[in-house]
């Protein structure tokens, strides 16, 4: 939903993971595998900045902040 800071917000998160396998020409059986994960998070919602101090917009902001916290926990678990 739109608010004072963002007139057209999708409020979505995205994870993009790139896997790369490489092997030297001299030793094709010695494969080196790598993984790069890029994370794009929807912004944290500050109620005072967005004007979402009551009603459904405030409830949505609270839910977004909870989902960001949970997503952070998932990212930490994946990095271990």
Protein backbone atom coordinates (compact mmCIF):
# COMPACT_ATOMS: atom_id res chain seq x y z
CA UNK A 1 0.00 0.00 0.00
CA UNK A 2 1.08 3.55 -0.59
CA UNK A 3 2.18 5.87 2.22
CA UNK A 4 3.94 9.22 2.63
CA UNK A 5 7.39 7.87 1.75
CA UNK A 6 6.48 5.58 -1.12
CA UNK A 7 3.55 6.16 -3.46
CA UNK A 8 3.78 2.76 -5.20
CA UNK A 9 5.28 0.20 -2.86
CA UNK A 10 5.50 -3.49 -3.74
CA UNK A 11 7.07 -4.24 -0.34
CA UNK A 12 8.62 -7.43 -1.60
CA UNK A 13 11.81 -9.28 -0.73
CA UNK A 14 14.01 -11.11 -3.22
CA UNK A 15 16.78 -13.69 -2.97
CA UNK A 16 18.98 -14.47 -5.94
CA UNK A 17 21.48 -17.31 -5.63
CA UNK A 18 24.22 -17.94 -8.18
CA UNK A 19 26.03 -21.27 -8.15
CA UNK A 20 29.37 -21.57 -9.98
CA UNK A 21 31.35 -24.75 -10.52
CA UNK A 22 34.80 -24.57 -12.06
CA UNK A 23 37.62 -27.01 -12.67
CA UNK A 24 41.17 -26.45 -13.92
CA UNK A 25 41.80 -27.78 -17.43
CA UNK A 26 44.73 -29.83 -16.13
CA UNK A 27 42.60 -31.49 -13.38
CA UNK A 28 38.96 -31.66 -14.52
CA UNK A 29 38.01 -33.88 -11.57
CA UNK A 30 39.00 -31.20 -9.04
CA UNK A 31 35.81 -29.16 -9.08
CA UNK A 32 35.57 -25.99 -7.02
CA UNK A 33 32.02 -24.96 -6.15
CA UNK A 34 30.93 -21.50 -5.03
CA UNK A 35 27.66 -19.88 -4.08
CA UNK A 36 26.78 -16.19 -4.05
CA UNK A 37 23.45 -15.10 -2.60
CA UNK A 38 22.19 -11.56 -3.14
CA UNK A 39 19.39 -10.28 -0.93
CA UNK A 40 17.08 -7.35 -1.64
CA UNK A 41 14.86 -6.49 1.31
CA UNK A 42 11.81 -4.30 1.39
CA UNK A 43 12.47 -1.34 3.65
CA UNK A 44 11.69 -1.26 7.33
CA UNK A 45 8.52 0.66 8.07
CA UNK A 46 8.82 3.45 10.66
CA UNK A 47 5.35 4.49 11.68
CA UNK A 48 6.30 8.09 12.38
CA UNK A 49 7.86 8.49 8.91
CA UNK A 50 5.12 6.81 6.91
CA UNK A 51 2.19 8.32 8.79
CA UNK A 52 0.92 4.80 9.52
CA UNK A 53 -0.08 5.42 13.11
CA UNK A 54 -3.47 3.70 13.12
CA UNK A 55 -5.66 1.32 11.17
CA UNK A 56 -4.81 -1.22 8.52
CA UNK A 57 -1.73 0.63 7.24
CA UNK A 58 -0.21 0.52 10.74
CA UNK A 59 -1.06 -3.19 11.03
CA UNK A 60 0.58 -3.80 7.65
CA UNK A 61 3.72 -1.95 8.79
CA UNK A 62 3.90 -4.09 11.92
CA UNK A 63 3.57 -7.25 9.81
CA UNK A 64 6.31 -6.07 7.44
CA UNK A 65 8.70 -5.43 10.32
CA UNK A 66 7.96 -8.88 11.76
CA UNK A 67 8.60 -10.49 8.38
CA UNK A 68 11.91 -8.63 8.05
CA UNK A 69 12.99 -9.92 11.44
CA UNK A 70 12.03 -13.48 10.45
CA UNK A 71 13.77 -13.15 7.09
CA UNK A 72 16.91 -11.98 8.91
CA UNK A 73 16.80 -15.13 11.01
CA UNK A 74 16.48 -17.27 7.85
CA UNK A 75 19.42 -15.52 6.20
CA UNK A 76 21.56 -16.04 9.29
CA UNK A 77 20.64 -19.74 9.34
CA UNK A 78 21.48 -20.10 5.63
CA UNK A 79 24.87 -18.46 6.10
CA UNK A 80 25.94 -21.04 8.70
